[in-house]
PDB file of all heavy atoms in Angstrom:
ATOM      1  N   ARG A   1     101.946 184.315 -30.753  1.00  0.00           N
ATOM      2  CA  ARG A   1     103.290 183.696 -30.686  1.00  0.00           C
ATOM      3  C   ARG A   1     103.854 183.402 -32.090  1.00  0.00           C
ATOM      4  O   ARG A   1     104.981 183.703 -32.417  1.00  0.00           O
ATOM      5  CB  ARG A   1     103.336 182.405 -29.888  1.00  0.00           C
ATOM      6  CG  ARG A   1     104.687 181.660 -30.007  1.00  0.00           C
ATOM      7  CD  ARG A   1     104.570 180.294 -29.186  1.00  0.00           C
ATOM      8  NE  ARG A   1     105.776 179.449 -29.711  1.00  0.00           N
ATOM      9  CZ  ARG A   1     106.586 178.794 -28.964  1.00  0.00           C
ATOM     10  NH1 ARG A   1     106.530 179.009 -27.614  1.00  0.00           N
ATOM     11  NH2 ARG A   1     107.588 178.014 -29.479  1.00  0.00           N
ATOM     12  N   GLU A   2     102.963 182.707 -32.923  1.00  0.00           N
ATOM     13  CA  GLU A   2     103.429 182.411 -34.286  1.00  0.00           C
ATOM     14  C   GLU A   2     103.782 183.683 -35.066  1.00  0.00           C
ATOM     15  O   GLU A   2     104.754 183.794 -35.838  1.00  0.00           O
ATOM     16  CB  GLU A   2     102.396 181.654 -35.025  1.00  0.00           C
ATOM     17  CG  GLU A   2     102.113 180.283 -34.366  1.00  0.00           C
ATOM     18  CD  GLU A   2     100.949 179.585 -35.154  1.00  0.00           C
ATOM     19  OE1 GLU A   2     100.181 180.232 -35.982  1.00  0.00           O
ATOM     20  OE2 GLU A   2     100.664 178.325 -34.710  1.00  0.00           O
ATOM     21  N   GLN A   3     102.991 184.787 -34.918  1.00  0.00           N
ATOM     22  CA  GLN A   3     103.317 186.028 -35.553  1.00  0.00           C
ATOM     23  C   GLN A   3     104.657 186.609 -35.136  1.00  0.00           C
ATOM     24  O   GLN A   3     105.492 186.981 -35.934  1.00  0.00           O
ATOM     25  CB  GLN A   3     102.189 187.014 -35.362  1.00  0.00           C
ATOM     26  CG  GLN A   3     102.482 188.371 -35.872  1.00  0.00           C
ATOM     27  CD  GLN A   3     101.516 189.464 -35.244  1.00  0.00           C
ATOM     28  OE1 GLN A   3     100.447 189.101 -34.853  1.00  0.00           O
ATOM     29  NE2 GLN A   3     101.980 190.699 -35.196  1.00  0.00           N
ATOM     30  N   LYS A   4     104.809 186.670 -33.812  1.00  0.00           N
ATOM     31  CA  LYS A   4     106.042 187.214 -33.286  1.00  0.00           C
ATOM     32  C   LYS A   4     107.266 186.396 -33.643  1.00  0.00           C
ATOM     33  O   LYS A   4     108.307 187.000 -33.913  1.00  0.00           O
ATOM     34  CB  LYS A   4     105.916 187.379 -31.690  1.00  0.00           C
ATOM     35  CG  LYS A   4     104.819 188.362 -31.289  1.00  0.00           C
ATOM     36  CD  LYS A   4     105.330 189.801 -31.567  1.00  0.00           C
ATOM     37  CE  LYS A   4     104.443 190.804 -30.988  1.00  0.00           C
ATOM     38  NZ  LYS A   4     104.806 192.212 -31.209  1.00  0.00           N
ATOM     39  N   VAL A   5     107.169 185.094 -33.514  1.00  0.00           N
ATOM     40  CA  VAL A   5     108.303 184.236 -33.925  1.00  0.00           C
ATOM     41  C   VAL A   5     108.632 184.388 -35.347  1.00  0.00           C
ATOM     42  O   VAL A   5     109.874 184.450 -35.730  1.00  0.00           O
ATOM     43  CB  VAL A   5     108.030 182.723 -33.555  1.00  0.00           C
ATOM     44  CG1 VAL A   5     109.087 181.844 -34.185  1.00  0.00           C
ATOM     45  CG2 VAL A   5     107.900 182.588 -32.068  1.00  0.00           C
ATOM     46  N   ALA A   6     107.700 184.573 -36.243  1.00  0.00           N
ATOM     47  CA  ALA A   6     107.975 184.791 -37.616  1.00  0.00           C
ATOM     48  C   ALA A   6     108.730 186.143 -37.879  1.00  0.00           C
ATOM     49  O   ALA A   6     109.653 186.222 -38.685  1.00  0.00           O
ATOM     50  CB  ALA A   6     106.621 184.842 -38.433  1.00  0.00           C
ATOM     51  N   GLU A   7     108.261 187.164 -37.064  1.00  0.00           N
ATOM     52  CA  GLU A   7     109.004 188.384 -37.116  1.00  0.00           C
ATOM     53  C   GLU A   7     110.481 188.264 -36.670  1.00  0.00           C
ATOM     54  O   GLU A   7     111.376 188.899 -37.237  1.00  0.00           O
ATOM     55  CB  GLU A   7     108.338 189.458 -36.168  1.00  0.00           C
ATOM     56  CG  GLU A   7     106.909 189.878 -36.765  1.00  0.00           C
ATOM     57  CD  GLU A   7     106.132 190.779 -35.835  1.00  0.00           C
ATOM     58  OE1 GLU A   7     106.719 191.079 -34.648  1.00  0.00           O
ATOM     59  OE2 GLU A   7     104.988 191.135 -36.162  1.00  0.00           O
ATOM     60  N   LEU A   8     110.709 187.447 -35.622  1.00  0.00           N
ATOM     61  CA  LEU A   8     112.065 187.255 -35.050  1.00  0.00           C
ATOM     62  C   LEU A   8     112.911 186.534 -36.077  1.00  0.00           C
ATOM     63  O   LEU A   8     114.079 186.801 -36.275  1.00  0.00           O
ATOM     64  CB  LEU A   8     111.957 186.475 -33.713  1.00  0.00           C
ATOM     65  CG  LEU A   8     111.398 187.187 -32.573  1.00  0.00           C
ATOM     66  CD1 LEU A   8     111.322 186.216 -31.377  1.00  0.00           C
ATOM     67  CD2 LEU A   8     112.039 188.464 -32.217  1.00  0.00           C
ATOM     68  N   LYS A   9     112.348 185.531 -36.805  1.00  0.00           N
ATOM     69  CA  LYS A   9     113.016 184.868 -37.805  1.00  0.00           C
ATOM     70  C   LYS A   9     113.573 185.800 -38.919  1.00  0.00           C
ATOM     71  O   LYS A   9     114.670 185.675 -39.449  1.00  0.00           O
ATOM     72  CB  LYS A   9     112.246 183.751 -38.401  1.00  0.00           C
ATOM     73  CG  LYS A   9     112.030 182.550 -37.509  1.00  0.00           C
ATOM     74  CD  LYS A   9     111.117 181.515 -38.127  1.00  0.00           C
ATOM     75  CE  LYS A   9     110.901 180.291 -37.191  1.00  0.00           C
ATOM     76  NZ  LYS A   9     110.044 179.316 -37.907  1.00  0.00           N
ATOM     77  N   GLU A  10     112.644 186.729 -39.315  1.00  0.00           N
ATOM     78  CA  GLU A  10     113.000 187.691 -40.341  1.00  0.00           C
ATOM     79  C   GLU A  10     114.154 188.648 -39.834  1.00  0.00           C
ATOM     80  O   GLU A  10     115.071 188.966 -40.569  1.00  0.00           O
ATOM     81  CB  GLU A  10     111.711 188.551 -40.712  1.00  0.00           C
ATOM     82  CG  GLU A  10     111.997 189.516 -41.730  1.00  0.00           C
ATOM     83  CD  GLU A  10     112.223 188.857 -43.095  1.00  0.00           C
ATOM     84  OE1 GLU A  10     111.937 187.677 -43.284  1.00  0.00           O
ATOM     85  OE2 GLU A  10     112.970 189.474 -44.011  1.00  0.00           O
ATOM     86  N   ARG A  11     114.082 189.009 -38.577  1.00  0.00           N
ATOM     87  CA  ARG A  11     115.115 189.811 -37.981  1.00  0.00           C
ATOM     88  C   ARG A  11     116.466 189.098 -37.990  1.00  0.00           C
ATOM     89  O   ARG A  11     117.499 189.620 -38.275  1.00  0.00           O
ATOM     90  CB  ARG A  11     114.855 190.226 -36.618  1.00  0.00           C
ATOM     91  CG  ARG A  11     113.723 191.336 -36.405  1.00  0.00           C
ATOM     92  CD  ARG A  11     113.508 191.568 -35.044  1.00  0.00           C
ATOM     93  NE  ARG A  11     112.234 192.455 -34.798  1.00  0.00           N
ATOM     94  CZ  ARG A  11     111.768 192.726 -33.588  1.00  0.00           C
ATOM     95  NH1 ARG A  11     112.330 192.199 -32.479  1.00  0.00           N
ATOM     96  NH2 ARG A  11     110.717 193.505 -33.566  1.00  0.00           N
ATOM     97  N   VAL A  12     116.394 187.780 -37.738  1.00  0.00           N
ATOM     98  CA  VAL A  12     117.677 187.015 -37.741  1.00  0.00           C
ATOM     99  C   VAL A  12     118.347 187.055 -39.093  1.00  0.00           C
ATOM    100  O   VAL A  12     119.466 187.176 -39.209  1.00  0.00           O
ATOM    101  CB  VAL A  12     117.349 185.501 -37.356  1.00  0.00           C
ATOM    102  CG1 VAL A  12     118.636 184.616 -37.635  1.00  0.00           C
ATOM    103  CG2 VAL A  12     116.943 185.371 -35.904  1.00  0.00           C
ATOM    104  N   ARG A  13     117.520 187.010 -40.174  1.00  0.00           N
ATOM    105  CA  ARG A  13     118.038 187.028 -41.517  1.00  0.00           C
ATOM    106  C   ARG A  13     118.740 188.365 -41.875  1.00  0.00           C
ATOM    107  O   ARG A  13     119.582 188.421 -42.641  1.00  0.00           O
ATOM    108  CB  ARG A  13     116.945 186.671 -42.551  1.00  0.00           C
ATOM    109  CG  ARG A  13     116.575 185.252 -42.575  1.00  0.00           C
ATOM    110  CD  ARG A  13     115.636 184.931 -43.772  1.00  0.00           C
ATOM    111  NE  ARG A  13     114.245 185.340 -43.551  1.00  0.00           N
ATOM    112  CZ  ARG A  13     113.377 184.575 -42.998  1.00  0.00           C
ATOM    113  NH1 ARG A  13     113.605 183.358 -42.701  1.00  0.00           N
ATOM    114  NH2 ARG A  13     112.078 185.009 -42.779  1.00  0.00           N
ATOM    115  N   ASN A  14     118.141 189.400 -41.208  1.00  0.00           N
ATOM    116  CA  ASN A  14     118.757 190.774 -41.551  1.00  0.00           C
ATOM    117  C   ASN A  14     119.509 191.384 -40.351  1.00  0.00           C
ATOM    118  O   ASN A  14     119.802 192.520 -40.446  1.00  0.00           O
ATOM    119  CB  ASN A  14     117.502 191.650 -41.840  1.00  0.00           C
ATOM    120  CG  ASN A  14     116.671 191.171 -43.055  1.00  0.00           C
ATOM    121  OD1 ASN A  14     117.249 190.964 -44.170  1.00  0.00           O
ATOM    122  ND2 ASN A  14     115.377 190.979 -42.866  1.00  0.00           N
ATOM    123  N   SER A  15     119.770 190.568 -39.368  1.00  0.00           N
ATOM    124  CA  SER A  15     120.448 191.103 -38.141  1.00  0.00           C
ATOM    125  C   SER A  15     121.941 191.331 -38.414  1.00  0.00           C
ATOM    126  O   SER A  15     122.702 190.628 -39.121  1.00  0.00           O
ATOM    127  CB  SER A  15     120.177 190.213 -37.011  1.00  0.00           C
ATOM    128  OG  SER A  15     120.847 188.973 -37.094  1.00  0.00           O
ATOM    129  N   HIS A  16     122.510 192.263 -37.746  1.00  0.00           N
ATOM    130  CA  HIS A  16     123.965 192.555 -37.665  1.00  0.00           C
ATOM    131  C   HIS A  16     124.342 192.519 -36.160  1.00  0.00           C
ATOM    132  O   HIS A  16     124.040 193.418 -35.399  1.00  0.00           O
ATOM    133  CB  HIS A  16     124.326 193.797 -38.300  1.00  0.00           C
ATOM    134  CG  HIS A  16     123.881 194.001 -39.755  1.00  0.00           C
ATOM    135  ND1 HIS A  16     124.635 193.320 -40.726  1.00  0.00           N
ATOM    136  CD2 HIS A  16     122.845 194.526 -40.331  1.00  0.00           C
ATOM    137  CE1 HIS A  16     123.996 193.564 -41.874  1.00  0.00           C
ATOM    138  NE2 HIS A  16     122.900 194.271 -41.666  1.00  0.00           N
ATOM    139  N   LEU A  17     125.027 191.479 -35.747  1.00  0.00           N
ATOM    140  CA  LEU A  17     125.388 191.396 -34.448  1.00  0.00           C
ATOM    141  C   LEU A  17     126.461 192.441 -34.016  1.00  0.00           C
ATOM    142  O   LEU A  17     127.261 192.802 -34.860  1.00  0.00           O
ATOM    143  CB  LEU A  17     126.093 189.951 -34.094  1.00  0.00           C
ATOM    144  CG  LEU A  17     125.161 188.820 -34.554  1.00  0.00           C
ATOM    145  CD1 LEU A  17     125.884 187.520 -34.088  1.00  0.00           C
ATOM    146  CD2 LEU A  17     123.754 188.901 -33.962  1.00  0.00           C
ATOM    147  N   GLU A  18     126.411 192.924 -32.838  1.00  0.00           N
ATOM    148  CA  GLU A  18     127.199 193.958 -32.291  1.00  0.00           C
ATOM    149  C   GLU A  18     128.194 193.354 -31.304  1.00  0.00           C
ATOM    150  O   GLU A  18     127.817 192.631 -30.464  1.00  0.00           O
ATOM    151  CB  GLU A  18     126.324 195.054 -31.596  1.00  0.00           C
ATOM    152  CG  GLU A  18     125.286 195.669 -32.517  1.00  0.00           C
ATOM    153  CD  GLU A  18     124.343 196.580 -31.729  1.00  0.00           C
ATOM    154  OE1 GLU A  18     124.845 197.066 -30.691  1.00  0.00           O
ATOM    155  OE2 GLU A  18     123.247 196.909 -32.245  1.00  0.00           O
ATOM    156  N   GLN A  19     129.365 193.754 -31.470  1.00  0.00           N
ATOM    157  CA  GLN A  19     130.488 193.374 -30.557  1.00  0.00           C
ATOM    158  C   GLN A  19     130.894 194.508 -29.677  1.00  0.00           C
ATOM    159  O   GLN A  19     131.051 195.686 -30.218  1.00  0.00           O
ATOM    160  CB  GLN A  19     131.665 192.802 -31.302  1.00  0.00           C
ATOM    161  CG  GLN A  19     131.393 191.549 -32.205  1.00  0.00           C
ATOM    162  CD  GLN A  19     131.298 190.305 -31.356  1.00  0.00           C
ATOM    163  OE1 GLN A  19     131.783 190.238 -30.285  1.00  0.00           O
ATOM    164  NE2 GLN A  19     130.795 189.239 -32.025  1.00  0.00           N
ATOM    165  N   ASN A  20     131.096 194.309 -28.406  1.00  0.00           N
ATOM    166  CA  ASN A  20     131.714 195.366 -27.518  1.00  0.00           C
ATOM    167  C   ASN A  20     132.637 194.713 -26.598  1.00  0.00           C
ATOM    168  O   ASN A  20     132.711 193.426 -26.574  1.00  0.00           O
ATOM    169  CB  ASN A  20     130.672 196.295 -26.902  1.00  0.00           C
ATOM    170  CG  ASN A  20     129.860 195.422 -25.866  1.00  0.00           C
ATOM    171  OD1 ASN A  20     130.372 194.540 -25.277  1.00  0.00           O
ATOM    172  ND2 ASN A  20     128.623 195.922 -25.702  1.00  0.00           N
ATOM    173  N   PRO A  21     133.489 195.365 -25.866  1.00  0.00           N
ATOM    174  CA  PRO A  21     134.344 194.696 -24.953  1.00  0.00           C
ATOM    175  C   PRO A  21     133.771 193.780 -23.879  1.00  0.00           C
ATOM    176  O   PRO A  21     134.496 192.905 -23.390  1.00  0.00           O
ATOM    177  CB  PRO A  21     135.048 195.951 -24.161  1.00  0.00           C
ATOM    178  CG  PRO A  21     134.873 197.101 -25.143  1.00  0.00           C
ATOM    179  CD  PRO A  21     133.561 196.881 -25.830  1.00  0.00           C
ATOM    180  N   ASP A  22     132.458 193.898 -23.666  1.00  0.00           N
ATOM    181  CA  ASP A  22     131.846 193.064 -22.699  1.00  0.00           C
ATOM    182  C   ASP A  22     131.319 191.719 -23.237  1.00  0.00           C
ATOM    183  O   ASP A  22     130.997 190.771 -22.584  1.00  0.00           O
ATOM    184  CB  ASP A  22     130.637 193.798 -22.020  1.00  0.00           C
ATOM    185  CG  ASP A  22     131.171 194.919 -21.128  1.00  0.00           C
ATOM    186  OD1 ASP A  22     132.253 194.777 -20.513  1.00  0.00           O
ATOM    187  OD2 ASP A  22     130.501 195.953 -21.062  1.00  0.00           O
ATOM    188  N   GLY A  23     131.045 191.706 -24.598  1.00  0.00           N
ATOM    189  CA  GLY A  23     130.456 190.619 -25.251  1.00  0.00           C
ATOM    190  C   GLY A  23     129.777 190.814 -26.557  1.00  0.00           C
ATOM    191  O   GLY A  23     129.991 191.846 -27.200  1.00  0.00           O
ATOM    192  N   THR A  24     128.919 189.876 -26.967  1.00  0.00           N
ATOM    193  CA  THR A  24     128.224 190.036 -28.218  1.00  0.00           C
ATOM    194  C   THR A  24     126.698 190.326 -27.937  1.00  0.00           C
ATOM    195  O   THR A  24     126.093 189.657 -27.169  1.00  0.00           O
ATOM    196  CB  THR A  24     128.227 188.636 -28.998  1.00  0.00           C
ATOM    197  OG1 THR A  24     129.613 188.335 -29.184  1.00  0.00           O
ATOM    198  CG2 THR A  24     127.576 188.740 -30.336  1.00  0.00           C
ATOM    199  N   ILE A  25     126.263 191.310 -28.632  1.00  0.00           N
ATOM    200  CA  ILE A  25     124.816 191.803 -28.454  1.00  0.00           C
ATOM    201  C   ILE A  25     123.981 191.258 -29.496  1.00  0.00           C
ATOM    202  O   ILE A  25     124.325 191.363 -30.737  1.00  0.00           O
ATOM    203  CB  ILE A  25     124.713 193.318 -28.412  1.00  0.00           C
ATOM    204  CG1 ILE A  25     125.558 193.804 -27.136  1.00  0.00           C
ATOM    205  CG2 ILE A  25     123.331 193.725 -28.304  1.00  0.00           C
ATOM    206  CD1 ILE A  25     125.756 195.281 -27.121  1.00  0.00           C
ATOM    207  N   TYR A  26     122.867 190.637 -29.220  1.00  0.00           N
ATOM    208  CA  TYR A  26     121.892 190.057 -30.118  1.00  0.00           C
ATOM    209  C   TYR A  26     120.659 190.952 -29.957  1.00  0.00           C
ATOM    210  O   TYR A  26     119.858 190.764 -29.037  1.00  0.00           O
ATOM    211  CB  TYR A  26     121.519 188.691 -29.766  1.00  0.00           C
ATOM    212  CG  TYR A  26     122.709 187.728 -29.870  1.00  0.00           C
ATOM    213  CD1 TYR A  26     123.569 187.482 -28.772  1.00  0.00           C
ATOM    214  CD2 TYR A  26     123.159 187.139 -31.100  1.00  0.00           C
ATOM    215  CE1 TYR A  26     124.668 186.694 -28.839  1.00  0.00           C
ATOM    216  CE2 TYR A  26     124.301 186.215 -31.157  1.00  0.00           C
ATOM    217  CZ  TYR A  26     125.017 186.103 -29.954  1.00  0.00           C
ATOM    218  OH  TYR A  26     126.070 185.244 -30.027  1.00  0.00           O
ATOM    219  N   PRO A  27     120.419 191.932 -30.875  1.00  0.00           N
ATOM    220  CA  PRO A  27     119.308 192.847 -30.737  1.00  0.00           C
ATOM    221  C   PRO A  27     117.940 192.251 -31.203  1.00  0.00           C
ATOM    222  O   PRO A  27     117.703 192.162 -32.408  1.00  0.00           O
ATOM    223  CB  PRO A  27     119.787 194.047 -31.569  1.00  0.00           C
ATOM    224  CG  PRO A  27     120.605 193.458 -32.656  1.00  0.00           C
ATOM    225  CD  PRO A  27     121.308 192.215 -31.980  1.00  0.00           C
ATOM    226  N   HIS A  28     117.164 191.882 -30.261  1.00  0.00           N
ATOM    227  CA  HIS A  28     115.710 191.520 -30.620  1.00  0.00           C
ATOM    228  C   HIS A  28     115.546 190.454 -31.568  1.00  0.00           C
ATOM    229  O   HIS A  28     114.769 190.516 -32.475  1.00  0.00           O
ATOM    230  CB  HIS A  28     115.003 192.827 -31.069  1.00  0.00           C
ATOM    231  CG  HIS A  28     115.149 193.997 -30.179  1.00  0.00           C
ATOM    232  ND1 HIS A  28     114.482 194.022 -28.915  1.00  0.00           N
ATOM    233  CD2 HIS A  28     115.803 195.114 -30.179  1.00  0.00           C
ATOM    234  CE1 HIS A  28     114.730 195.154 -28.322  1.00  0.00           C
ATOM    235  NE2 HIS A  28     115.551 195.908 -29.046  1.00  0.00           N
ATOM    236  N   ILE A  29     116.350 189.300 -31.339  1.00  0.00           N
ATOM    237  CA  ILE A  29     116.132 188.104 -32.142  1.00  0.00           C
ATOM    238  C   ILE A  29     115.693 186.905 -31.239  1.00  0.00           C
ATOM    239  O   ILE A  29     115.475 185.857 -31.804  1.00  0.00           O
ATOM    240  CB  ILE A  29     117.392 187.746 -32.982  1.00  0.00           C
ATOM    241  CG1 ILE A  29     118.489 187.312 -32.006  1.00  0.00           C
ATOM    242  CG2 ILE A  29     117.768 188.851 -33.917  1.00  0.00           C
ATOM    243  CD1 ILE A  29     119.779 186.723 -32.754  1.00  0.00           C
ATOM    244  N   PHE A  30     115.614 187.142 -30.025  1.00  0.00           N
ATOM    245  CA  PHE A  30     115.149 186.095 -29.094  1.00  0.00           C
ATOM    246  C   PHE A  30     113.890 186.452 -28.387  1.00  0.00           C
ATOM    247  O   PHE A  30     113.476 187.690 -28.341  1.00  0.00           O
ATOM    248  CB  PHE A  30     116.212 185.797 -27.954  1.00  0.00           C
ATOM    249  CG  PHE A  30     117.543 185.304 -28.531  1.00  0.00           C
ATOM    250  CD1 PHE A  30     118.665 186.062 -28.443  1.00  0.00           C
ATOM    251  CD2 PHE A  30     117.531 184.040 -29.074  1.00  0.00           C
ATOM    252  CE1 PHE A  30     119.847 185.495 -28.882  1.00  0.00           C
ATOM    253  CE2 PHE A  30     118.746 183.488 -29.557  1.00  0.00           C
ATOM    254  CZ  PHE A  30     119.915 184.213 -29.416  1.00  0.00           C
ATOM    255  N   PHE A  31     113.171 185.467 -27.861  1.00  0.00           N
ATOM    256  CA  PHE A  31     112.066 185.730 -27.011  1.00  0.00           C
ATOM    257  C   PHE A  31     112.178 184.910 -25.688  1.00  0.00           C
ATOM    258  O   PHE A  31     112.840 183.826 -25.758  1.00  0.00           O
ATOM    259  CB  PHE A  31     110.669 185.426 -27.598  1.00  0.00           C
ATOM    260  CG  PHE A  31     110.378 184.014 -27.940  1.00  0.00           C
ATOM    261  CD1 PHE A  31     109.561 183.279 -27.075  1.00  0.00           C
ATOM    262  CD2 PHE A  31     110.875 183.488 -29.065  1.00  0.00           C
ATOM    263  CE1 PHE A  31     109.274 181.967 -27.456  1.00  0.00           C
ATOM    264  CE2 PHE A  31     110.570 182.162 -29.501  1.00  0.00           C
ATOM    265  CZ  PHE A  31     109.820 181.331 -28.614  1.00  0.00           C
ATOM    266  N   CYS A  32     111.599 185.327 -24.600  1.00  0.00           N
ATOM    267  CA  CYS A  32     111.684 184.614 -23.355  1.00  0.00           C
ATOM    268  C   CYS A  32     110.429 184.079 -22.777  1.00  0.00           C
ATOM    269  O   CYS A  32     109.332 184.662 -23.081  1.00  0.00           O
ATOM    270  CB  CYS A  32     112.239 185.574 -22.253  1.00  0.00           C
ATOM    271  SG  CYS A  32     114.078 186.118 -22.633  1.00  0.00           S
ATOM    272  N   THR A  33     110.529 182.985 -22.146  1.00  0.00           N
ATOM    273  CA  THR A  33     109.378 182.381 -21.387  1.00  0.00           C
ATOM    274  C   THR A  33     109.832 181.998 -20.001  1.00  0.00           C
ATOM    275  O   THR A  33     111.083 182.212 -19.663  1.00  0.00           O
ATOM    276  CB  THR A  33     108.966 181.188 -22.202  1.00  0.00           C
ATOM    277  OG1 THR A  33     110.088 180.283 -22.531  1.00  0.00           O
ATOM    278  CG2 THR A  33     108.277 181.577 -23.538  1.00  0.00           C
ATOM    279  N   ILE A  34     108.944 181.387 -19.297  1.00  0.00           N
ATOM    280  CA  ILE A  34     109.170 180.985 -17.869  1.00  0.00           C
ATOM    281  C   ILE A  34     108.922 179.443 -17.703  1.00  0.00           C
ATOM    282  O   ILE A  34     107.977 178.964 -18.301  1.00  0.00           O
ATOM    283  CB  ILE A  34     108.197 181.761 -16.901  1.00  0.00           C
ATOM    284  CG1 ILE A  34     108.660 183.198 -16.855  1.00  0.00           C
ATOM    285  CG2 ILE A  34     108.237 181.045 -15.491  1.00  0.00           C
ATOM    286  CD1 ILE A  34     109.805 183.566 -16.009  1.00  0.00           C
ATOM    287  N   TYR A  35     109.867 178.804 -17.001  1.00  0.00           N
ATOM    288  CA  TYR A  35     109.492 177.509 -16.535  1.00  0.00           C
ATOM    289  C   TYR A  35     109.802 177.338 -15.054  1.00  0.00           C
ATOM    290  O   TYR A  35     110.488 178.338 -14.467  1.00  0.00           O
ATOM    291  CB  TYR A  35     110.175 176.385 -17.293  1.00  0.00           C
ATOM    292  CG  TYR A  35     111.681 176.177 -17.033  1.00  0.00           C
ATOM    293  CD1 TYR A  35     112.205 175.022 -16.504  1.00  0.00           C
ATOM    294  CD2 TYR A  35     112.649 177.130 -17.514  1.00  0.00           C
ATOM    295  CE1 TYR A  35     113.559 174.812 -16.293  1.00  0.00           C
ATOM    296  CE2 TYR A  35     114.048 176.843 -17.328  1.00  0.00           C
ATOM    297  CZ  TYR A  35     114.426 175.731 -16.691  1.00  0.00           C
ATOM    298  OH  TYR A  35     115.791 175.513 -16.558  1.00  0.00           O
ATOM    299  N   TYR A  36     109.315 176.358 -14.423  1.00  0.00           N
ATOM    300  CA  TYR A  36     109.385 176.316 -13.002  1.00  0.00           C
ATOM    301  C   TYR A  36     109.295 174.889 -12.476  1.00  0.00           C
ATOM    302  O   TYR A  36     109.101 173.959 -13.107  1.00  0.00           O
ATOM    303  CB  TYR A  36     108.255 177.242 -12.333  1.00  0.00           C
ATOM    304  CG  TYR A  36     106.905 176.557 -12.288  1.00  0.00           C
ATOM    305  CD1 TYR A  36     106.241 176.340 -11.131  1.00  0.00           C
ATOM    306  CD2 TYR A  36     106.194 176.204 -13.511  1.00  0.00           C
ATOM    307  CE1 TYR A  36     104.951 175.714 -11.085  1.00  0.00           C
ATOM    308  CE2 TYR A  36     104.965 175.544 -13.463  1.00  0.00           C
ATOM    309  CZ  TYR A  36     104.339 175.355 -12.262  1.00  0.00           C
ATOM    310  OH  TYR A  36     103.065 174.769 -12.175  1.00  0.00           O
ATOM    311  N   THR A  37     109.574 174.851 -11.090  1.00  0.00           N
ATOM    312  CA  THR A  37     109.440 173.564 -10.460  1.00  0.00           C
ATOM    313  C   THR A  37     108.049 173.459  -9.690  1.00  0.00           C
ATOM    314  O   THR A  37     107.971 174.183  -8.600  1.00  0.00           O
ATOM    315  CB  THR A  37     110.524 173.271  -9.389  1.00  0.00           C
ATOM    316  OG1 THR A  37     111.859 173.203 -10.153  1.00  0.00           O
ATOM    317  CG2 THR A  37     110.444 172.021  -8.661  1.00  0.00           C
TER     318      THR A  37
END
């Protein structure tokens, strides 16, 4: 996780957000997890 998050932080610094008629695209700068009840 620490390694992957460090890679994502680097992508954020170099990322170029994409806009299209449907919305804003964030290419590979987030990660997902699960929570539950």
